[in-house]
Structure formats: structure tokens, C-alpha cells
PDB file of N, CA and C in Angstrom:
ATOM      1  N   UNK A   1     137.689 170.723  92.453  1.00  0.00           N
ATOM      2  CA  UNK A   1     139.120 170.627  92.490  1.00  0.00           C
ATOM      3  C   UNK A   1     139.625 169.624  91.460  1.00  0.00           C
ATOM      4  N   UNK A   2     138.745 169.085  90.646  1.00  0.00           N
ATOM      5  CA  UNK A   2     139.159 168.094  89.662  1.00  0.00           C
ATOM      6  C   UNK A   2     139.916 168.717  88.497  1.00  0.00           C
ATOM      7  N   UNK A   3     139.865 170.034  88.329  1.00  0.00           N
ATOM      8  CA  UNK A   3     140.599 170.688  87.256  1.00  0.00           C
ATOM      9  C   UNK A   3     142.086 170.825  87.548  1.00  0.00           C
ATOM     10  N   UNK A   4     142.510 170.548  88.757  1.00  0.00           N
ATOM     11  CA  UNK A   4     143.920 170.663  89.159  1.00  0.00           C
ATOM     12  C   UNK A   4     144.672 169.378  88.791  1.00  0.00           C
ATOM     13  N   UNK A   5     145.991 169.472  88.742  1.00  0.00           N
ATOM     14  CA  UNK A   5     146.796 168.289  88.451  1.00  0.00           C
ATOM     15  C   UNK A   5     146.727 167.303  89.614  1.00  0.00           C
ATOM     16  N   UNK A   6     147.111 166.091  89.342  1.00  0.00           N
ATOM     17  CA  UNK A   6     147.054 165.048  90.359  1.00  0.00           C
ATOM     18  C   UNK A   6     147.973 165.369  91.534  1.00  0.00           C
ATOM     19  N   UNK A   7     149.133 165.957  91.274  1.00  0.00           N
ATOM     20  CA  UNK A   7     150.069 166.286  92.345  1.00  0.00           C
ATOM     21  C   UNK A   7     149.498 167.352  93.281  1.00  0.00           C
ATOM     22  N   UNK A   8     148.828 168.351  92.711  1.00  0.00           N
ATOM     23  CA  UNK A   8     148.215 169.401  93.541  1.00  0.00           C
ATOM     24  C   UNK A   8     147.097 168.810  94.387  1.00  0.00           C
ATOM     25  N   UNK A   9     146.277 167.963  93.793  1.00  0.00           N
ATOM     26  CA  UNK A   9     145.193 167.332  94.557  1.00  0.00           C
ATOM     27  C   UNK A   9     145.747 166.423  95.654  1.00  0.00           C
ATOM     28  N   UNK A  10     146.845 165.692  95.349  1.00  0.00           N
ATOM     29  CA  UNK A  10     147.470 164.829  96.355  1.00  0.00           C
ATOM     30  C   UNK A  10     147.991 165.653  97.526  1.00  0.00           C
ATOM     31  N   UNK A  11     148.698 166.738  97.219  1.00  0.00           N
ATOM     32  CA  UNK A  11     149.255 167.578  98.287  1.00  0.00           C
ATOM     33  C   UNK A  11     148.155 168.230  99.113  1.00  0.00           C
ATOM     34  N   UNK A  12     147.079 168.659  98.470  1.00  0.00           N
ATOM     35  CA  UNK A  12     145.966 169.266  99.208  1.00  0.00           C
ATOM     36  C   UNK A  12     145.293 168.237 100.110  1.00  0.00           C
ATOM     37  N   UNK A  13     145.063 167.042  99.589  1.00  0.00           N
ATOM     38  CA  UNK A  13     144.438 165.995 100.397  1.00  0.00           C
ATOM     39  C   UNK A  13     145.339 165.577 101.553  1.00  0.00           C
ATOM     40  N   UNK A  14     146.627 165.514 101.300  1.00  0.00           N
ATOM     41  CA  UNK A  14     147.566 165.155 102.358  1.00  0.00           C
ATOM     42  C   UNK A  14     147.586 166.235 103.443  1.00  0.00           C
ATOM     43  N   UNK A  15     147.523 167.492 103.060  1.00  0.00           N
ATOM     44  CA  UNK A  15     147.478 168.578 104.052  1.00  0.00           C
ATOM     45  C   UNK A  15     146.211 168.495 104.893  1.00  0.00           C
ATOM     46  N   UNK A  16     145.103 168.169 104.266  1.00  0.00           N
ATOM     47  CA  UNK A  16     143.845 168.026 105.011  1.00  0.00           C
ATOM     48  C   UNK A  16     143.942 166.880 106.011  1.00  0.00           C
ATOM     49  N   UNK A  17     144.498 165.763 105.589  1.00  0.00           N
ATOM     50  CA  UNK A  17     144.631 164.610 106.493  1.00  0.00           C
ATOM     51  C   UNK A  17     145.590 164.895 107.640  1.00  0.00           C
ATOM     52  N   UNK A  18     146.655 165.628 107.377  1.00  0.00           N
ATOM     53  CA  UNK A  18     147.573 166.005 108.458  1.00  0.00           C
ATOM     54  C   UNK A  18     146.855 166.886 109.471  1.00  0.00           C
ATOM     55  N   UNK A  19     146.052 167.832 109.001  1.00  0.00           N
ATOM     56  CA  UNK A  19     145.293 168.679 109.925  1.00  0.00           C
ATOM     57  C   UNK A  19     144.296 167.869 110.738  1.00  0.00           C
ATOM     58  N   UNK A  20     143.673 166.888 110.118  1.00  0.00           N
ATOM     59  CA  UNK A  20     142.719 166.048 110.841  1.00  0.00           C
ATOM     60  C   UNK A  20     143.427 165.251 111.928  1.00  0.00           C
ATOM     61  N   UNK A  21     144.623 164.735 111.625  1.00  0.00           N
ATOM     62  CA  UNK A  21     145.340 163.949 112.638  1.00  0.00           C
ATOM     63  C   UNK A  21     145.801 164.794 113.819  1.00  0.00           C
ATOM     64  N   UNK A  22     145.849 166.098 113.664  1.00  0.00           N
ATOM     65  CA  UNK A  22     146.230 166.956 114.791  1.00  0.00           C
ATOM     66  C   UNK A  22     145.107 167.103 115.816  1.00  0.00           C
ATOM     67  N   UNK A  23     143.885 166.733 115.454  1.00  0.00           N
ATOM     68  CA  UNK A  23     142.782 166.816 116.403  1.00  0.00           C
ATOM     69  C   UNK A  23     142.878 165.748 117.491  1.00  0.00           C
ATOM     70  N   UNK A  24     143.382 164.566 117.158  1.00  0.00           N
ATOM     71  CA  UNK A  24     143.409 163.468 118.106  1.00  0.00           C
ATOM     72  C   UNK A  24     144.273 163.745 119.337  1.00  0.00           C
ATOM     73  N   UNK A  25     145.489 164.274 119.195  1.00  0.00           N
ATOM     74  CA  UNK A  25     146.249 164.601 120.408  1.00  0.00           C
ATOM     75  C   UNK A  25     145.576 165.688 121.254  1.00  0.00           C
ATOM     76  N   UNK A  26     144.899 166.623 120.608  1.00  0.00           N
ATOM     77  CA  UNK A  26     144.210 167.674 121.348  1.00  0.00           C
ATOM     78  C   UNK A  26     143.049 167.093 122.157  1.00  0.00           C
ATOM     79  N   UNK A  27     142.299 166.202 121.568  1.00  0.00           N
ATOM     80  CA  UNK A  27     141.178 165.566 122.283  1.00  0.00           C
ATOM     81  C   UNK A  27     141.705 164.737 123.449  1.00  0.00           C
ATOM     82  N   UNK A  28     142.769 163.992 123.226  1.00  0.00           N
ATOM     83  CA  UNK A  28     143.362 163.187 124.292  1.00  0.00           C
ATOM     84  C   UNK A  28     143.898 164.064 125.418  1.00  0.00           C
ATOM     85  N   UNK A  29     144.512 165.169 125.067  1.00  0.00           N
ATOM     86  CA  UNK A  29     145.047 166.098 126.065  1.00  0.00           C
ATOM     87  C   UNK A  29     143.933 166.684 126.923  1.00  0.00           C
ATOM     88  N   UNK A  30     142.836 167.051 126.307  1.00  0.00           N
ATOM     89  CA  UNK A  30     141.708 167.593 127.069  1.00  0.00           C
ATOM     90  C   UNK A  30     141.112 166.551 127.995  1.00  0.00           C
ATOM     91  N   UNK A  31     141.054 165.303 127.570  1.00  0.00           N
ATOM     92  CA  UNK A  31     140.521 164.235 128.417  1.00  0.00           C
ATOM     93  C   UNK A  31     141.423 163.995 129.622  1.00  0.00           C
ATOM     94  N   UNK A  32     142.741 164.029 129.404  1.00  0.00           N
ATOM     95  CA  UNK A  32     143.684 163.817 130.504  1.00  0.00           C
ATOM     96  C   UNK A  32     143.646 165.000 131.465  1.00  0.00           C
ATOM     97  N   UNK A  33     143.522 166.213 130.943  1.00  0.00           N
ATOM     98  CA  UNK A  33     143.482 167.408 131.776  1.00  0.00           C
ATOM     99  C   UNK A  33     142.273 167.397 132.704  1.00  0.00           C
ATOM    100  N   UNK A  34     141.138 166.956 132.199  1.00  0.00           N
ATOM    101  CA  UNK A  34     139.945 166.899 133.039  1.00  0.00           C
ATOM    102  C   UNK A  34     140.051 165.811 134.105  1.00  0.00           C
ATOM    103  N   UNK A  35     140.784 164.761 133.824  1.00  0.00           N
ATOM    104  CA  UNK A  35     140.895 163.656 134.774  1.00  0.00           C
ATOM    105  C   UNK A  35     141.787 164.010 135.964  1.00  0.00           C
ATOM    106  N   UNK A  36     142.953 164.583 135.684  1.00  0.00           N
ATOM    107  CA  UNK A  36     143.893 164.882 136.769  1.00  0.00           C
ATOM    108  C   UNK A  36     144.810 166.017 136.321  1.00  0.00           C
ATOM    109  N   UNK A  37     144.709 167.159 136.973  1.00  0.00           N
ATOM    110  CA  UNK A  37     145.457 168.346 136.561  1.00  0.00           C
ATOM    111  C   UNK A  37     146.962 168.187 136.806  1.00  0.00           C
ATOM    112  N   UNK A  38     147.375 167.571 137.908  1.00  0.00           N
ATOM    113  CA  UNK A  38     148.805 167.409 138.195  1.00  0.00           C
ATOM    114  C   UNK A  38     149.467 166.445 137.215  1.00  0.00           C
ATOM    115  N   UNK A  39     148.799 165.357 136.940  1.00  0.00           N
ATOM    116  CA  UNK A  39     149.326 164.378 135.997  1.00  0.00           C
ATOM    117  C   UNK A  39     149.363 164.942 134.586  1.00  0.00           C
ATOM    118  N   UNK A  40     148.370 165.718 134.261  1.00  0.00           N
ATOM    119  CA  UNK A  40     148.246 166.191 132.886  1.00  0.00           C
ATOM    120  C   UNK A  40     149.405 167.097 132.475  1.00  0.00           C
ATOM    121  N   UNK A  41     149.872 167.951 133.375  1.00  0.00           N
ATOM    122  CA  UNK A  41     150.957 168.861 133.008  1.00  0.00           C
ATOM    123  C   UNK A  41     152.256 168.116 132.736  1.00  0.00           C
ATOM    124  N   UNK A  42     152.543 167.119 133.536  1.00  0.00           N
ATOM    125  CA  UNK A  42     153.778 166.365 133.337  1.00  0.00           C
ATOM    126  C   UNK A  42     153.731 165.489 132.088  1.00  0.00           C
ATOM    127  N   UNK A  43     152.551 165.185 131.614  1.00  0.00           N
ATOM    128  CA  UNK A  43     152.410 164.355 130.418  1.00  0.00           C
ATOM    129  C   UNK A  43     152.151 165.198 129.178  1.00  0.00           C
ATOM    130  N   UNK A  44     151.293 166.195 129.286  1.00  0.00           N
ATOM    131  CA  UNK A  44     150.884 166.933 128.095  1.00  0.00           C
ATOM    132  C   UNK A  44     151.970 167.847 127.542  1.00  0.00           C
ATOM    133  N   UNK A  45     152.850 168.370 128.389  1.00  0.00           N
ATOM    134  CA  UNK A  45     153.914 169.240 127.868  1.00  0.00           C
ATOM    135  C   UNK A  45     154.879 168.494 126.943  1.00  0.00           C
ATOM    136  N   UNK A  46     155.426 167.348 127.350  1.00  0.00           N
ATOM    137  CA  UNK A  46     156.282 166.615 126.407  1.00  0.00           C
ATOM    138  C   UNK A  46     155.513 166.115 125.178  1.00  0.00           C
ATOM    139  N   UNK A  47     154.274 165.729 125.379  1.00  0.00           N
ATOM    140  CA  UNK A  47     153.464 165.265 124.250  1.00  0.00           C
ATOM    141  C   UNK A  47     153.180 166.407 123.277  1.00  0.00           C
ATOM    142  N   UNK A  48     152.932 167.588 123.803  1.00  0.00           N
ATOM    143  CA  UNK A  48     152.703 168.745 122.946  1.00  0.00           C
ATOM    144  C   UNK A  48     153.943 169.075 122.135  1.00  0.00           C
ATOM    145  N   UNK A  49     155.110 168.970 122.768  1.00  0.00           N
ATOM    146  CA  UNK A  49     156.359 169.192 122.039  1.00  0.00           C
ATOM    147  C   UNK A  49     156.536 168.161 120.934  1.00  0.00           C
ATOM    148  N   UNK A  50     156.246 166.899 121.248  1.00  0.00           N
ATOM    149  CA  UNK A  50     156.360 165.846 120.245  1.00  0.00           C
ATOM    150  C   UNK A  50     155.431 166.099 119.068  1.00  0.00           C
ATOM    151  N   UNK A  51     154.191 166.466 119.326  1.00  0.00           N
ATOM    152  CA  UNK A  51     153.226 166.732 118.254  1.00  0.00           C
ATOM    153  C   UNK A  51     153.699 167.900 117.402  1.00  0.00           C
ATOM    154  N   UNK A  52     154.229 168.932 118.033  1.00  0.00           N
ATOM    155  CA  UNK A  52     154.725 170.083 117.281  1.00  0.00           C
ATOM    156  C   UNK A  52     155.886 169.680 116.374  1.00  0.00           C
ATOM    157  N   UNK A  53     156.861 168.961 116.920  1.00  0.00           N
ATOM    158  CA  UNK A  53     158.015 168.544 116.123  1.00  0.00           C
ATOM    159  C   UNK A  53     157.604 167.581 115.004  1.00  0.00           C
ATOM    160  N   UNK A  54     156.653 166.717 115.278  1.00  0.00           N
ATOM    161  CA  UNK A  54     156.145 165.796 114.269  1.00  0.00           C
ATOM    162  C   UNK A  54     155.487 166.571 113.132  1.00  0.00           C
ATOM    163  N   UNK A  55     154.670 167.537 113.484  1.00  0.00           N
ATOM    164  CA  UNK A  55     153.980 168.349 112.473  1.00  0.00           C
ATOM    165  C   UNK A  55     154.986 169.131 111.634  1.00  0.00           C
ATOM    166  N   UNK A  56     155.965 169.743 112.276  1.00  0.00           N
ATOM    167  CA  UNK A  56     156.979 170.505 111.542  1.00  0.00           C
ATOM    168  C   UNK A  56     157.776 169.589 110.621  1.00  0.00           C
ATOM    169  N   UNK A  57     158.114 168.398 111.096  1.00  0.00           N
ATOM    170  CA  UNK A  57     158.869 167.474 110.252  1.00  0.00           C
ATOM    171  C   UNK A  57     158.049 167.014 109.050  1.00  0.00           C
ATOM    172  N   UNK A  58     156.743 166.823 109.223  1.00  0.00           N
ATOM    173  CA  UNK A  58     155.890 166.462 108.089  1.00  0.00           C
ATOM    174  C   UNK A  58     155.851 167.578 107.049  1.00  0.00           C
ATOM    175  N   UNK A  59     155.723 168.801 107.508  1.00  0.00           N
ATOM    176  CA  UNK A  59     155.678 169.940 106.591  1.00  0.00           C
ATOM    177  C   UNK A  59     157.010 170.106 105.868  1.00  0.00           C
ATOM    178  N   UNK A  60     158.119 170.006 106.606  1.00  0.00           N
ATOM    179  CA  UNK A  60     159.445 170.143 105.984  1.00  0.00           C
ATOM    180  C   UNK A  60     159.667 169.022 104.975  1.00  0.00           C
ATOM    181  N   UNK A  61     159.304 167.803 105.331  1.00  0.00           N
ATOM    182  CA  UNK A  61     159.450 166.676 104.411  1.00  0.00           C
ATOM    183  C   UNK A  61     158.640 166.904 103.128  1.00  0.00           C
ATOM    184  N   UNK A  62     157.411 167.348 103.277  1.00  0.00           N
ATOM    185  CA  UNK A  62     156.565 167.575 102.107  1.00  0.00           C
ATOM    186  C   UNK A  62     157.114 168.691 101.220  1.00  0.00           C
ATOM    187  N   UNK A  63     157.549 169.778 101.821  1.00  0.00           N
ATOM    188  CA  UNK A  63     158.086 170.901 101.043  1.00  0.00           C
ATOM    189  C   UNK A  63     159.368 170.497 100.325  1.00  0.00           C
ATOM    190  N   UNK A  64     160.280 169.824 101.024  1.00  0.00           N
ATOM    191  CA  UNK A  64     161.539 169.409 100.411  1.00  0.00           C
ATOM    192  C   UNK A  64     161.278 168.411  99.281  1.00  0.00           C
ATOM    193  N   UNK A  65     160.364 167.467  99.495  1.00  0.00           N
ATOM    194  CA  UNK A  65     160.045 166.509  98.442  1.00  0.00           C
ATOM    195  C   UNK A  65     159.480 167.201  97.214  1.00  0.00           C
ATOM    196  N   UNK A  66     158.587 168.158  97.422  1.00  0.00           N
ATOM    197  CA  UNK A  66     158.010 168.885  96.293  1.00  0.00           C
ATOM    198  C   UNK A  66     159.051 169.728  95.576  1.00  0.00           C
ATOM    199  N   UNK A  67     159.964 170.346  96.315  1.00  0.00           N
ATOM    200  CA  UNK A  67     161.016 171.139  95.684  1.00  0.00           C
ATOM    201  C   UNK A  67     161.974 170.268  94.870  1.00  0.00           C
ATOM    202  N   UNK A  68     162.161 169.030  95.282  1.00  0.00           N
ATOM    203  CA  UNK A  68     163.000 168.097  94.519  1.00  0.00           C
ATOM    204  C   UNK A  68     162.253 167.497  93.330  1.00  0.00           C
ATOM    205  N   UNK A  69     160.961 167.763  93.237  1.00  0.00           N
ATOM    206  CA  UNK A  69     160.167 167.234  92.136  1.00  0.00           C
ATOM    207  C   UNK A  69     159.632 165.840  92.388  1.00  0.00           C
ATOM    208  N   UNK A  70     159.652 165.405  93.633  1.00  0.00           N
ATOM    209  CA  UNK A  70     159.154 164.080  93.988  1.00  0.00           C
ATOM    210  C   UNK A  70     157.849 164.204  94.744  1.00  0.00           C
ATOM    211  N   UNK A  71     157.029 163.204  94.633  1.00  0.00           N
ATOM    212  CA  UNK A  71     155.763 163.145  95.361  1.00  0.00           C
ATOM    213  C   UNK A  71     156.043 162.694  96.794  1.00  0.00           C
ATOM    214  N   UNK A  72     155.585 163.435  97.799  1.00  0.00           N
ATOM    215  CA  UNK A  72     155.885 163.074  99.197  1.00  0.00           C
ATOM    216  C   UNK A  72     155.029 161.906  99.691  1.00  0.00           C
ATOM    217  N   UNK A  73     155.431 160.694  99.339  1.00  0.00           N
ATOM    218  CA  UNK A  73     154.641 159.508  99.688  1.00  0.00           C
ATOM    219  C   UNK A  73     155.196 158.749 100.887  1.00  0.00           C
ATOM    220  N   UNK A  74     156.105 159.342 101.627  1.00  0.00           N
ATOM    221  CA  UNK A  74     156.752 158.642 102.729  1.00  0.00           C
ATOM    222  C   UNK A  74     156.079 158.777 104.079  1.00  0.00           C
ATOM    223  N   UNK A  75     154.954 159.449 104.151  1.00  0.00           N
ATOM    224  CA  UNK A  75     154.271 159.609 105.437  1.00  0.00           C
ATOM    225  C   UNK A  75     153.342 158.416 105.640  1.00  0.00           C
ATOM    226  N   UNK A  76     153.588 157.609 106.672  1.00  0.00           N
ATOM    227  CA  UNK A  76     152.757 156.417 106.872  1.00  0.00           C
ATOM    228  C   UNK A  76     151.282 156.774 107.051  1.00  0.00           C
ATOM    229  N   UNK A  77     150.429 155.968 106.536  1.00  0.00           N
ATOM    230  CA  UNK A  77     148.980 156.050 106.581  1.00  0.00           C
ATOM    231  C   UNK A  77     148.442 157.267 105.846  1.00  0.00           C
ATOM    232  N   UNK A  78     148.991 158.423 106.050  1.00  0.00           N
ATOM    233  CA  UNK A  78     148.461 159.656 105.467  1.00  0.00           C
ATOM    234  C   UNK A  78     148.682 159.677 103.954  1.00  0.00           C
ATOM    235  N   UNK A  79     149.864 159.328 103.496  1.00  0.00           N
ATOM    236  CA  UNK A  79     150.146 159.350 102.060  1.00  0.00           C
ATOM    237  C   UNK A  79     149.314 158.321 101.304  1.00  0.00           C
ATOM    238  N   UNK A  80     149.215 157.125 101.845  1.00  0.00           N
ATOM    239  CA  UNK A  80     148.425 156.093 101.162  1.00  0.00           C
ATOM    240  C   UNK A  80     146.943 156.442 101.147  1.00  0.00           C
ATOM    241  N   UNK A  81     146.450 157.040 102.224  1.00  0.00           N
ATOM    242  CA  UNK A  81     145.049 157.450 102.263  1.00  0.00           C
ATOM    243  C   UNK A  81     144.786 158.591 101.290  1.00  0.00           C
ATOM    244  N   UNK A  82     145.682 159.547 101.222  1.00  0.00           N
ATOM    245  CA  UNK A  82     145.528 160.659 100.274  1.00  0.00           C
ATOM    246  C   UNK A  82     145.552 160.150  98.848  1.00  0.00           C
ATOM    247  N   UNK A  83     146.431 159.203  98.555  1.00  0.00           N
ATOM    248  CA  UNK A  83     146.513 158.635  97.207  1.00  0.00           C
ATOM    249  C   UNK A  83     145.234 157.881  96.871  1.00  0.00           C
ATOM    250  N   UNK A  84     144.666 157.154  97.835  1.00  0.00           N
ATOM    251  CA  UNK A  84     143.434 156.413  97.622  1.00  0.00           C
ATOM    252  C   UNK A  84     142.250 157.357  97.399  1.00  0.00           C
ATOM    253  N   UNK A  85     142.192 158.438  98.160  1.00  0.00           N
ATOM    254  CA  UNK A  85     141.048 159.360  98.097  1.00  0.00           C
ATOM    255  C   UNK A  85     141.002 160.102  96.762  1.00  0.00           C
ATOM    256  N   UNK A  86     142.146 160.508  96.233  1.00  0.00           N
ATOM    257  CA  UNK A  86     142.105 161.274  94.981  1.00  0.00           C
ATOM    258  C   UNK A  86     141.899 160.380  93.768  1.00  0.00           C
ATOM    259  N   UNK A  87     142.105 159.101  93.922  1.00  0.00           N
ATOM    260  CA  UNK A  87     141.825 158.170  92.838  1.00  0.00           C
ATOM    261  C   UNK A  87     142.902 158.112  91.788  1.00  0.00           C
ATOM    262  N   UNK A  88     142.705 157.259  90.782  1.00  0.00           N
ATOM    263  CA  UNK A  88     143.732 157.064  89.767  1.00  0.00           C
ATOM    264  C   UNK A  88     143.795 158.166  88.707  1.00  0.00           C
ATOM    265  N   UNK A  89     142.841 159.053  88.664  1.00  0.00           N
ATOM    266  CA  UNK A  89     142.798 160.051  87.580  1.00  0.00           C
ATOM    267  C   UNK A  89     143.267 161.399  88.034  1.00  0.00           C
TER     268      UNK A  89
END
């Protein structure tokens, strides 16, 4: 993937990191579900909605930033990690 421009590599790395961060709420939800089924439904439904809205907002932010010609560096932790991983070149 080194033949691609820096912006394409940044966006690809950022998409990978966003997908990785979606695993953590799923793992937590499964742990809560196994512990107590009644508690889990009242907690996991609002949390699932939050994760969905968060994911959609990240995607919309990234698409709008790219359409404006700006690098989407406003996502905490994910943008800085993606920038670090692809390096200065």
C-alpha cells in the first residue's frame, strides 16, 4: 500500500482503527449478557444505539472532511494513531 498517496493511506488506516474500536463494545456487551440477562437488556440497548450513532458520526465526519479537501484529523486517539502508523512519508 506504499504506492498510494499519504491521504489514502491515512484514510485506510483510520478506517481500520475505527473497525477495531467497534470490537470493544461488542465484547463488553457479551460479557454483560452472560452475567445477567435482565440487566443486560436495559443497558445494552442504549449502549448499542450510542455505538451506532458514534460510528455513523465518525463516517459522516470523515466523508465530509474529505469532500472539503481536508484531512479528517479530529477523531481523538484514532486520528493520531493512524497518522503515527503511516509515518512521515
